[in-house]
Amino acid sequence: MRKRLKIIYLLTLKEIKNFKLQKKYLVFLFFLFLSTIFWFLNALDKEYTSYIKVPLEFVNLSENKTFTSGHNYTGLLDVKVTSRGFKILEYNSTIFRSNIKINSDSKYIKRLKNDSLTLLLQTYKLKNLVSGHLGGDFKIITIEPDSIIFYYENTVSKKVPIKVNLKLDFKQQFYQTAPEVVTPDSIFISGRKNLIDKIDFVSTEAYEFIGVEQNLKITCDLKQKKGLEYQKTQVNVLVPVEEFTEKTMNIPIEVLNLPPNYQLQLFPQFAYIQFNISISNYLKVKPEDFKFTVDYKDINENTKTLRINMENYSVFAFNLKFSPKKVEYLLEK
């Protein structure tokens, strides 16, 4: 009994020591975290030099004109500033920054000589405007790019068809019975002539559907190209889908170009056709919708067979297969 009590005592003592060590460790981590926070706050309160991005937007553009920038401008100004770390961090962490808006006919922009459609903006002229936009906590050092060239061009419009980008996987025994119905099937796009001339159609975004077994009605977003305006940004698409089954028929083979007073016996006299058809159209397909022929002109002394040609078939049938491909014949006069 004493031995058991001693073991319990020693185990309890060990747990108490472990708890004290853990407590000391947690206290150490707490103060380490607290000191890190104070160090970080103290560091942010100092002044730093850094780049920030400022959105620049041009407004009140001339009607029927497209206003485009040169290759050196992306819509953002890279502004080198000096400010406290707090302010730089606060600005860079802001998701929705307000734009600096400039009228295309403002005093900051000048038209280049001998070319009224080319404009130049020297960004150093924007220093006071950008400073007022950012507030007094930022001291501006430089603005990049140092100059931006813009172009006025006549806006042209063009009507182009819509191309649907669908990847469809149908459930077994189902298929698409007709082409997609797109509403609207075409739209007007507007922009610079050199861009418009390169576009023959507008495609939808890519969509994929698996296990389709009924009519598919979807709204598709259009792929848009920068620098163009689109009459619509979405179209409605209907994909007609039906269940199908298999159907077979025996169709008599006709002889073409047979001279008078000649008879051509065929072996066999019928072509066997197998095809798929939607259940709703099953009864609409008749033997007279198909036409199989052989041509007397194809007779050759070196062979005793004629090739069978399928001249007509029902518009409702798909995945057609027929046999035989050739028939033997006996010519009689």
Foldseek 3Di string as FASTA:
>chain_A
DVVVVVVVVVVVVVVVVVVVVVVVVVVVVVVVVVVVVVVVVVQQQDKDKDWDKAFAEEDDDDPQKFKFWDPFDDRIKTWIKIAGNVLVVVRRPDPDQDHHYDYPPDPQKDADPPGNFKIKGQCVVCLVVVDVSSDPRIDTDDIPPRMIMMGIAGKDKDKAFEDEAEAEAEAPQKDFQDDKDKVPGIWMKMFHPVVVVVDRYWYFDYDYDHHDAAKDWDKTAIDDDPGMDIPDGIMIIITGMAGKDKDKDWAFEAEPPDDPPKDKQKVVRTKIKMWMFGPVCVVVFDSVQWYKYWYPVPDDPVDQKTAIDTDGHDPRTPPMDIDDRIIGMDMDD
